[in-house]
Structure formats: structure tokens, C-alpha cells
N, C-alpha and C. Protein backbone atom coordinates (compact mmCIF):
# COMPACT_ATOMS: atom_id res chain seq x y z
N UNK A 1 -17.63 3.01 18.14
CA UNK A 1 -16.52 2.70 17.28
C UNK A 1 -15.57 3.89 17.19
N UNK A 2 -14.33 3.59 16.97
CA UNK A 2 -13.32 4.63 16.77
C UNK A 2 -13.40 5.13 15.33
N UNK A 3 -13.03 6.38 15.10
CA UNK A 3 -13.11 6.96 13.76
C UNK A 3 -11.74 7.43 13.29
N UNK A 4 -11.52 7.25 11.99
CA UNK A 4 -10.29 7.70 11.33
C UNK A 4 -10.71 8.49 10.10
N UNK A 5 -10.14 9.66 9.91
CA UNK A 5 -10.39 10.46 8.69
C UNK A 5 -9.25 10.22 7.72
N UNK A 6 -9.61 10.08 6.44
CA UNK A 6 -8.59 9.89 5.42
C UNK A 6 -7.88 11.20 5.13
N UNK A 7 -6.71 11.07 4.53
CA UNK A 7 -5.95 12.23 4.08
C UNK A 7 -5.37 11.90 2.71
N UNK A 8 -4.97 12.91 1.95
CA UNK A 8 -4.34 12.64 0.66
C UNK A 8 -3.01 11.91 0.86
N UNK A 9 -2.67 11.08 -0.08
CA UNK A 9 -1.41 10.34 -0.03
C UNK A 9 -0.29 11.21 -0.59
N UNK A 10 0.68 11.53 0.26
CA UNK A 10 1.88 12.25 -0.17
C UNK A 10 3.11 11.48 0.31
N UNK A 11 4.22 11.68 -0.36
CA UNK A 11 5.46 11.01 0.03
C UNK A 11 5.85 11.36 1.46
N UNK A 12 5.64 12.61 1.85
CA UNK A 12 6.02 13.04 3.19
C UNK A 12 5.15 12.38 4.25
N UNK A 13 3.84 12.38 4.05
CA UNK A 13 2.92 11.82 5.03
C UNK A 13 3.04 10.30 5.14
N UNK A 14 3.41 9.64 4.05
CA UNK A 14 3.47 8.18 4.00
C UNK A 14 4.86 7.63 4.31
N UNK A 15 5.84 8.51 4.40
CA UNK A 15 7.25 8.11 4.49
C UNK A 15 7.61 7.14 5.60
N UNK A 16 6.95 7.19 6.75
CA UNK A 16 7.26 6.26 7.84
C UNK A 16 6.70 4.86 7.61
N UNK A 17 5.85 4.70 6.60
CA UNK A 17 5.21 3.42 6.32
C UNK A 17 5.72 2.76 5.04
N UNK A 18 6.19 3.57 4.10
CA UNK A 18 6.62 3.03 2.82
C UNK A 18 6.91 4.12 1.82
N UNK A 19 6.79 3.76 0.56
CA UNK A 19 7.12 4.65 -0.55
C UNK A 19 5.88 4.95 -1.39
N UNK A 20 5.76 6.18 -1.88
CA UNK A 20 4.75 6.54 -2.86
C UNK A 20 5.41 6.47 -4.22
N UNK A 21 4.82 5.72 -5.11
CA UNK A 21 5.33 5.59 -6.47
C UNK A 21 4.46 6.43 -7.38
N UNK A 22 5.04 7.49 -7.94
CA UNK A 22 4.32 8.33 -8.87
C UNK A 22 5.33 9.05 -9.77
N UNK A 23 4.84 9.91 -10.62
CA UNK A 23 5.71 10.60 -11.57
C UNK A 23 5.97 12.04 -11.17
N UNK A 24 5.89 12.34 -9.88
CA UNK A 24 6.15 13.70 -9.44
C UNK A 24 7.65 13.99 -9.48
N UNK A 25 7.98 15.25 -9.55
CA UNK A 25 9.38 15.65 -9.50
C UNK A 25 10.12 15.59 -10.82
N UNK A 26 9.46 15.20 -11.87
CA UNK A 26 10.11 15.14 -13.18
C UNK A 26 10.89 13.86 -13.40
N UNK A 27 11.04 13.49 -14.65
CA UNK A 27 11.73 12.26 -15.03
C UNK A 27 13.22 12.35 -14.71
N UNK A 28 13.79 11.23 -14.29
CA UNK A 28 15.23 11.15 -14.03
C UNK A 28 16.02 11.06 -15.33
N UNK A 29 15.42 10.43 -16.33
CA UNK A 29 16.05 10.28 -17.65
C UNK A 29 14.96 10.31 -18.71
N UNK A 30 15.35 10.73 -19.90
CA UNK A 30 14.47 10.61 -21.05
C UNK A 30 15.07 9.50 -21.92
N UNK A 31 14.25 8.48 -22.20
CA UNK A 31 14.73 7.29 -22.91
C UNK A 31 13.86 7.01 -24.12
N UNK A 32 14.11 5.91 -24.79
CA UNK A 32 13.34 5.47 -25.95
C UNK A 32 13.23 6.55 -27.02
N UNK A 33 14.39 7.04 -27.43
CA UNK A 33 14.49 8.05 -28.47
C UNK A 33 13.74 9.33 -28.12
N UNK A 34 13.70 9.65 -26.82
CA UNK A 34 13.07 10.87 -26.36
C UNK A 34 11.58 10.80 -26.15
N UNK A 35 10.97 9.61 -26.26
CA UNK A 35 9.53 9.47 -26.14
C UNK A 35 9.05 8.95 -24.79
N UNK A 36 9.97 8.73 -23.84
CA UNK A 36 9.58 8.14 -22.56
C UNK A 36 10.42 8.72 -21.43
N UNK A 37 9.74 9.14 -20.37
CA UNK A 37 10.45 9.57 -19.17
C UNK A 37 10.59 8.40 -18.21
N UNK A 38 11.79 8.21 -17.69
CA UNK A 38 12.03 7.16 -16.70
C UNK A 38 12.10 7.81 -15.32
N UNK A 39 11.22 7.38 -14.43
CA UNK A 39 11.19 7.83 -13.04
C UNK A 39 11.82 6.70 -12.25
N UNK A 40 13.10 6.81 -12.03
CA UNK A 40 13.96 5.70 -11.62
C UNK A 40 13.88 5.36 -10.14
N UNK A 41 13.84 4.07 -9.83
CA UNK A 41 14.02 3.50 -8.50
C UNK A 41 13.13 4.18 -7.45
N UNK A 42 11.83 4.13 -7.65
CA UNK A 42 10.87 4.82 -6.79
C UNK A 42 10.51 4.06 -5.51
N UNK A 43 10.92 2.78 -5.37
CA UNK A 43 10.56 2.01 -4.18
C UNK A 43 11.75 1.21 -3.68
N UNK A 44 11.92 1.17 -2.37
CA UNK A 44 12.96 0.36 -1.75
C UNK A 44 12.40 -1.00 -1.38
N UNK A 45 12.50 -1.97 -2.30
CA UNK A 45 11.99 -3.31 -2.02
C UNK A 45 12.89 -4.00 -1.02
N UNK A 46 12.29 -4.71 -0.05
CA UNK A 46 13.03 -5.37 1.01
C UNK A 46 12.60 -6.84 1.07
N UNK A 47 13.56 -7.75 1.04
CA UNK A 47 13.23 -9.18 1.13
C UNK A 47 14.25 -9.90 1.99
N UNK A 48 13.78 -10.61 3.01
CA UNK A 48 14.63 -11.51 3.79
C UNK A 48 14.48 -12.90 3.19
N UNK A 49 15.49 -13.33 2.43
CA UNK A 49 15.38 -14.60 1.72
C UNK A 49 14.34 -14.50 0.63
N UNK A 50 14.08 -15.57 -0.05
CA UNK A 50 13.09 -15.57 -1.11
C UNK A 50 13.51 -14.72 -2.28
N UNK A 51 12.52 -14.31 -3.07
CA UNK A 51 12.77 -13.52 -4.27
C UNK A 51 11.58 -12.61 -4.52
N UNK A 52 11.76 -11.64 -5.38
CA UNK A 52 10.66 -10.77 -5.78
C UNK A 52 9.77 -11.50 -6.78
N UNK A 53 8.49 -11.37 -6.61
CA UNK A 53 7.53 -11.93 -7.55
C UNK A 53 6.50 -10.88 -7.90
N UNK A 54 5.89 -11.02 -9.07
CA UNK A 54 4.82 -10.13 -9.49
C UNK A 54 3.55 -10.96 -9.61
N UNK A 55 2.53 -10.58 -8.85
CA UNK A 55 1.23 -11.24 -8.89
C UNK A 55 0.18 -10.23 -9.30
N UNK A 56 -0.98 -10.71 -9.70
CA UNK A 56 -2.11 -9.85 -9.99
C UNK A 56 -3.19 -10.10 -8.94
N UNK A 57 -3.74 -9.03 -8.37
CA UNK A 57 -4.83 -9.12 -7.41
C UNK A 57 -6.05 -8.45 -8.04
N UNK A 58 -7.21 -9.07 -7.91
CA UNK A 58 -8.45 -8.46 -8.38
C UNK A 58 -9.40 -8.37 -7.19
N UNK A 59 -9.45 -7.21 -6.55
CA UNK A 59 -10.22 -7.00 -5.32
C UNK A 59 -11.56 -6.36 -5.61
N UNK A 60 -12.54 -6.68 -4.79
CA UNK A 60 -13.85 -6.06 -4.90
C UNK A 60 -13.79 -4.63 -4.38
N UNK A 61 -14.51 -3.75 -5.05
CA UNK A 61 -14.57 -2.35 -4.63
C UNK A 61 -15.30 -2.23 -3.30
N UNK A 62 -14.85 -1.29 -2.48
CA UNK A 62 -15.47 -1.00 -1.18
C UNK A 62 -15.93 0.45 -1.19
N UNK A 63 -16.67 0.83 -0.17
CA UNK A 63 -17.18 2.21 -0.06
C UNK A 63 -16.74 2.82 1.26
N UNK A 64 -16.70 4.16 1.26
CA UNK A 64 -16.51 4.90 2.49
C UNK A 64 -17.89 5.32 3.00
N UNK A 65 -18.17 5.32 4.28
CA UNK A 65 -17.24 4.90 5.33
C UNK A 65 -16.97 3.39 5.26
N UNK A 66 -15.76 3.03 5.67
CA UNK A 66 -15.27 1.66 5.60
C UNK A 66 -15.00 1.17 7.03
N UNK A 67 -15.39 -0.05 7.33
CA UNK A 67 -15.14 -0.62 8.65
C UNK A 67 -13.83 -1.39 8.63
N UNK A 68 -12.89 -0.93 9.44
CA UNK A 68 -11.57 -1.58 9.56
C UNK A 68 -11.57 -2.45 10.81
N UNK A 69 -11.56 -3.76 10.61
CA UNK A 69 -11.52 -4.67 11.75
C UNK A 69 -10.35 -5.64 11.70
N UNK A 70 -9.56 -5.58 10.62
CA UNK A 70 -8.42 -6.48 10.43
C UNK A 70 -7.27 -5.72 9.79
N UNK A 71 -6.06 -5.96 10.29
CA UNK A 71 -4.84 -5.47 9.64
C UNK A 71 -3.88 -6.64 9.54
N UNK A 72 -2.94 -6.54 8.62
CA UNK A 72 -1.93 -7.57 8.44
C UNK A 72 -0.58 -6.92 8.24
N UNK A 73 0.47 -7.74 8.38
CA UNK A 73 1.82 -7.27 8.06
C UNK A 73 2.62 -8.43 7.54
N UNK A 74 3.74 -8.08 6.90
CA UNK A 74 4.61 -9.07 6.27
C UNK A 74 6.02 -8.87 6.82
N UNK A 75 6.45 -9.73 7.77
CA UNK A 75 7.74 -9.52 8.43
C UNK A 75 8.96 -9.84 7.57
N UNK A 76 8.78 -10.53 6.45
CA UNK A 76 9.92 -10.95 5.64
C UNK A 76 10.07 -10.17 4.34
N UNK A 77 9.17 -9.23 4.06
CA UNK A 77 9.32 -8.51 2.80
C UNK A 77 8.34 -7.38 2.63
N UNK A 78 8.74 -6.40 1.83
CA UNK A 78 7.87 -5.29 1.48
C UNK A 78 6.81 -5.77 0.49
N UNK A 79 5.83 -4.92 0.24
CA UNK A 79 4.75 -5.27 -0.68
C UNK A 79 4.31 -4.02 -1.42
N UNK A 80 4.45 -4.03 -2.75
CA UNK A 80 4.07 -2.90 -3.58
C UNK A 80 2.75 -3.18 -4.28
N UNK A 81 1.85 -2.20 -4.26
CA UNK A 81 0.55 -2.29 -4.91
C UNK A 81 0.50 -1.26 -6.03
N UNK A 82 0.37 -1.74 -7.25
CA UNK A 82 0.40 -0.88 -8.44
C UNK A 82 -0.93 -1.04 -9.17
N UNK A 83 -1.80 -0.02 -9.08
CA UNK A 83 -3.11 -0.15 -9.72
C UNK A 83 -2.97 -0.23 -11.24
N UNK A 84 -3.83 -1.04 -11.83
CA UNK A 84 -3.85 -1.16 -13.29
C UNK A 84 -5.05 -0.37 -13.83
N UNK A 85 -5.24 0.82 -13.24
CA UNK A 85 -6.33 1.74 -13.56
C UNK A 85 -5.93 3.11 -12.99
N UNK A 86 -6.73 4.11 -13.20
CA UNK A 86 -6.45 5.46 -12.70
C UNK A 86 -7.35 5.85 -11.53
N UNK A 87 -8.00 4.88 -10.90
CA UNK A 87 -8.96 5.17 -9.83
C UNK A 87 -8.28 5.21 -8.47
N UNK A 88 -8.79 6.05 -7.56
CA UNK A 88 -8.21 6.09 -6.21
C UNK A 88 -8.49 4.80 -5.44
N UNK A 89 -7.63 4.53 -4.47
CA UNK A 89 -7.87 3.42 -3.56
C UNK A 89 -7.48 3.84 -2.15
N UNK A 90 -8.02 3.11 -1.19
CA UNK A 90 -7.81 3.42 0.22
C UNK A 90 -6.58 2.67 0.72
N UNK A 91 -5.72 3.36 1.46
CA UNK A 91 -4.52 2.78 2.04
C UNK A 91 -4.57 3.05 3.55
N UNK A 92 -4.53 1.98 4.34
CA UNK A 92 -4.56 2.11 5.80
C UNK A 92 -3.31 1.44 6.34
N UNK A 93 -2.54 2.16 7.15
CA UNK A 93 -1.28 1.65 7.68
C UNK A 93 -1.15 2.00 9.16
N UNK A 94 -0.28 1.27 9.85
CA UNK A 94 -0.01 1.56 11.27
C UNK A 94 1.37 1.04 11.62
N UNK A 95 2.02 1.74 12.51
CA UNK A 95 3.28 1.26 13.08
C UNK A 95 2.98 0.14 14.07
N UNK A 96 4.00 -0.62 14.41
CA UNK A 96 3.86 -1.71 15.37
C UNK A 96 3.91 -1.18 16.80
N UNK A 97 3.08 -1.74 17.66
CA UNK A 97 3.08 -1.42 19.10
C UNK A 97 3.04 -2.75 19.86
N UNK A 98 4.22 -3.28 20.16
CA UNK A 98 4.32 -4.54 20.90
C UNK A 98 3.57 -5.69 20.25
N UNK A 99 3.77 -5.86 18.94
CA UNK A 99 3.19 -6.99 18.23
C UNK A 99 1.78 -6.81 17.71
N UNK A 100 1.26 -5.59 17.80
CA UNK A 100 -0.05 -5.30 17.23
C UNK A 100 -0.04 -3.89 16.64
N UNK A 101 -1.02 -3.57 15.79
CA UNK A 101 -1.02 -2.24 15.17
C UNK A 101 -1.25 -1.13 16.19
N UNK A 102 -0.50 -0.05 16.02
CA UNK A 102 -0.76 1.18 16.75
C UNK A 102 -1.97 1.84 16.08
N UNK A 103 -2.30 3.06 16.41
CA UNK A 103 -3.44 3.75 15.81
C UNK A 103 -3.26 3.85 14.29
N UNK A 104 -4.21 3.33 13.52
CA UNK A 104 -4.09 3.36 12.06
C UNK A 104 -4.18 4.78 11.49
N UNK A 105 -3.58 4.93 10.32
CA UNK A 105 -3.61 6.17 9.53
C UNK A 105 -4.16 5.79 8.16
N UNK A 106 -5.10 6.58 7.63
CA UNK A 106 -5.74 6.26 6.36
C UNK A 106 -5.44 7.32 5.31
N UNK A 107 -5.16 6.86 4.10
CA UNK A 107 -4.87 7.72 2.96
C UNK A 107 -5.76 7.33 1.79
N UNK A 108 -6.05 8.30 0.94
CA UNK A 108 -6.69 8.03 -0.34
C UNK A 108 -5.72 8.46 -1.42
N UNK A 109 -5.44 7.55 -2.35
CA UNK A 109 -4.49 7.85 -3.42
C UNK A 109 -5.12 8.78 -4.45
N UNK A 110 -4.26 9.34 -5.27
CA UNK A 110 -4.69 10.11 -6.43
C UNK A 110 -4.39 9.29 -7.68
N UNK A 111 -4.99 9.65 -8.78
CA UNK A 111 -4.72 8.96 -10.04
C UNK A 111 -3.22 8.96 -10.32
N UNK A 112 -2.70 7.83 -10.73
CA UNK A 112 -1.28 7.73 -11.07
C UNK A 112 -0.38 7.40 -9.89
N UNK A 113 -0.93 7.14 -8.71
CA UNK A 113 -0.10 6.78 -7.56
C UNK A 113 -0.19 5.29 -7.26
N UNK A 114 0.94 4.74 -6.85
CA UNK A 114 1.04 3.38 -6.34
C UNK A 114 1.79 3.46 -5.02
N UNK A 115 1.82 2.37 -4.28
CA UNK A 115 2.50 2.38 -2.98
C UNK A 115 3.37 1.14 -2.82
N UNK A 116 4.39 1.29 -2.01
CA UNK A 116 5.21 0.17 -1.54
C UNK A 116 5.21 0.24 -0.02
N UNK A 117 4.67 -0.78 0.63
CA UNK A 117 4.60 -0.82 2.08
C UNK A 117 5.84 -1.56 2.58
N UNK A 118 6.59 -0.90 3.46
CA UNK A 118 7.80 -1.52 4.02
C UNK A 118 7.47 -2.77 4.81
N UNK A 119 8.45 -3.67 4.92
CA UNK A 119 8.21 -4.88 5.70
C UNK A 119 7.94 -4.51 7.15
N UNK A 120 7.12 -5.33 7.79
CA UNK A 120 6.73 -5.18 9.19
C UNK A 120 5.80 -4.00 9.47
N UNK A 121 5.28 -3.35 8.43
CA UNK A 121 4.30 -2.27 8.63
C UNK A 121 2.90 -2.89 8.54
N UNK A 122 2.11 -2.65 9.56
CA UNK A 122 0.73 -3.13 9.55
C UNK A 122 -0.05 -2.37 8.47
N UNK A 123 -0.92 -3.07 7.75
CA UNK A 123 -1.74 -2.41 6.73
C UNK A 123 -3.08 -3.11 6.59
N UNK A 124 -4.05 -2.34 6.12
CA UNK A 124 -5.36 -2.91 5.83
C UNK A 124 -5.30 -3.74 4.56
N UNK A 125 -6.38 -4.45 4.29
CA UNK A 125 -6.45 -5.25 3.07
C UNK A 125 -6.58 -4.32 1.87
N UNK A 126 -6.36 -4.87 0.69
CA UNK A 126 -6.46 -4.11 -0.55
C UNK A 126 -7.89 -3.58 -0.68
N UNK A 127 -8.02 -2.24 -0.82
CA UNK A 127 -9.33 -1.60 -0.74
C UNK A 127 -9.53 -0.61 -1.88
N UNK A 128 -9.84 -1.10 -3.09
CA UNK A 128 -10.20 -0.17 -4.16
C UNK A 128 -11.54 0.49 -3.83
N UNK A 129 -11.69 1.74 -4.25
CA UNK A 129 -12.93 2.47 -3.98
C UNK A 129 -13.88 2.46 -5.17
N UNK A 130 -13.47 1.84 -6.27
CA UNK A 130 -14.35 1.66 -7.43
C UNK A 130 -13.79 0.50 -8.25
N UNK A 131 -14.61 0.01 -9.15
CA UNK A 131 -14.17 -1.05 -10.06
C UNK A 131 -13.44 -0.43 -11.24
N UNK A 132 -12.49 -1.08 -11.85
CA UNK A 132 -12.00 -2.41 -11.49
C UNK A 132 -10.98 -2.32 -10.36
N UNK A 133 -10.90 -3.35 -9.56
CA UNK A 133 -9.94 -3.40 -8.47
C UNK A 133 -8.73 -4.24 -8.83
N UNK A 134 -8.19 -4.01 -10.02
CA UNK A 134 -7.09 -4.82 -10.54
C UNK A 134 -5.74 -4.15 -10.23
N UNK A 135 -4.84 -4.91 -9.60
CA UNK A 135 -3.54 -4.41 -9.17
C UNK A 135 -2.45 -5.40 -9.52
N UNK A 136 -1.29 -4.90 -9.91
CA UNK A 136 -0.07 -5.70 -9.94
C UNK A 136 0.56 -5.54 -8.56
N UNK A 137 1.01 -6.64 -7.99
CA UNK A 137 1.59 -6.63 -6.65
C UNK A 137 2.98 -7.25 -6.73
N UNK A 138 3.97 -6.51 -6.23
CA UNK A 138 5.35 -7.00 -6.17
C UNK A 138 5.64 -7.29 -4.70
N UNK A 139 5.90 -8.56 -4.41
CA UNK A 139 6.21 -8.92 -3.03
C UNK A 139 7.10 -10.15 -2.97
N UNK A 140 7.43 -10.57 -1.76
CA UNK A 140 8.37 -11.66 -1.53
C UNK A 140 7.67 -13.00 -1.76
N UNK A 141 8.35 -13.84 -2.54
CA UNK A 141 7.92 -15.21 -2.78
C UNK A 141 8.99 -16.11 -2.16
N UNK A 142 8.61 -17.00 -1.26
CA UNK A 142 9.59 -17.88 -0.65
C UNK A 142 9.06 -18.55 0.60
N UNK A 143 9.90 -19.38 1.18
CA UNK A 143 9.54 -20.11 2.39
C UNK A 143 9.47 -19.17 3.59
N UNK A 144 8.79 -19.65 4.62
CA UNK A 144 8.69 -18.88 5.86
C UNK A 144 7.33 -18.23 5.99
N UNK A 145 6.95 -17.90 7.22
CA UNK A 145 5.67 -17.26 7.49
C UNK A 145 5.80 -15.76 7.29
N UNK A 146 5.28 -15.27 6.18
CA UNK A 146 5.38 -13.85 5.86
C UNK A 146 4.04 -13.14 6.00
N UNK A 147 3.14 -13.69 6.80
CA UNK A 147 1.84 -13.06 7.01
C UNK A 147 1.45 -13.17 8.47
N UNK A 148 1.19 -12.01 9.08
CA UNK A 148 0.63 -11.95 10.43
C UNK A 148 -0.62 -11.09 10.36
N UNK A 149 -1.69 -11.53 11.01
CA UNK A 149 -2.95 -10.80 11.01
C UNK A 149 -3.32 -10.38 12.42
N UNK A 150 -4.03 -9.25 12.51
CA UNK A 150 -4.54 -8.76 13.80
C UNK A 150 -5.99 -8.35 13.62
N UNK A 151 -6.88 -8.95 14.41
CA UNK A 151 -8.29 -8.57 14.45
C UNK A 151 -8.50 -7.61 15.62
N UNK A 152 -9.10 -6.46 15.35
CA UNK A 152 -9.36 -5.48 16.40
C UNK A 152 -10.55 -5.91 17.25
N UNK A 153 -10.46 -5.70 18.55
CA UNK A 153 -11.60 -5.93 19.44
C UNK A 153 -12.70 -4.92 19.15
N UNK A 154 -12.30 -3.69 18.86
CA UNK A 154 -13.23 -2.63 18.49
C UNK A 154 -12.83 -2.10 17.13
N UNK A 155 -13.73 -2.20 16.15
CA UNK A 155 -13.43 -1.78 14.78
C UNK A 155 -13.29 -0.26 14.70
N UNK A 156 -12.60 0.18 13.66
CA UNK A 156 -12.49 1.60 13.32
C UNK A 156 -13.41 1.88 12.13
N UNK A 157 -13.97 3.07 12.09
CA UNK A 157 -14.72 3.54 10.93
C UNK A 157 -13.83 4.54 10.21
N UNK A 158 -13.54 4.26 8.94
CA UNK A 158 -12.69 5.13 8.13
C UNK A 158 -13.62 5.95 7.23
N UNK A 159 -13.47 7.27 7.31
CA UNK A 159 -14.34 8.16 6.56
C UNK A 159 -13.52 9.31 5.97
N UNK A 160 -14.12 9.99 5.00
CA UNK A 160 -13.45 11.16 4.41
C UNK A 160 -13.28 12.27 5.41
């Protein structure tokens, strides 16, 4: 099997795949009578037709090492995953190579981080590393086939 080592999730390392949503860099505005920092417009949501929707996903926790044998992508819209907890989760992404994923890259989030995966970026399934695996997901709702899946002939092992 092929092996992939995880790396910390940073805006720079993840930039070719999507956006890191966190509170780094300081608040853009202080609102609510000075009691709240607003970290403005942290993700570039993309939708071809349809509309933005907010769904809740409750995924089972997984462990490292993790076997990656399937990736998916959404050609009509971006997809943001916002954990409803402070626990890290695994993020696996890949650029496209002639209609299938190129070599995957794996990240582990830090507490307080969420992600927005750009449209047409291959990614692994939602992979919390502990319970609860509860996430708010912002993605495209509408007509059209917005899901493509790829099963690897040879799985990857993702490890720390």
C-alpha cells in the first residue's frame, strides 16, 4: 500500500485546495457592543446554479492509521465543513489528474479550525478522529450531478 503522512492544517499549505476558516490574524471588526470579534468573509463559496444550504453531518470517528480507498469531488459547488466541537479531524485532498485524484495530501486540523473545499477538488470522506463527529456543512443545494466518486485500485494508508 502507498503511505501518506499527515501535516498540520495551515492556510498556506491548504491554499490550492480551499480555505482554512479560523480566528487567526485578529478580528476584522469588533461588534456587539465590543463583546464579539468578527472574522469576516473567511471562505470563498462557489456555486454553479442552485443555492447555499446548511446541513448537519454526524460522522463516526475514525482512527489513524486510516485506509483511504475512496475520494469524491463536487463539480458544481464548494463544500465547507465546520466542526461543532473543538476536536481535530482528518482532511484529505487532491488535485485533479485527467478526471481522477492526483496524489492525495493529508492534514490534521487544530482546535477552532474549519475548512472550505473548492469546487472540483477531490477530497476524502468526512473523517473525525474522535467523537462527537458533528459538523455543520455549507454546500450547494440544487439540480444537477454534484457528486463524483473515485475508488483507488490500491489504497493509501494515512498516518501521522
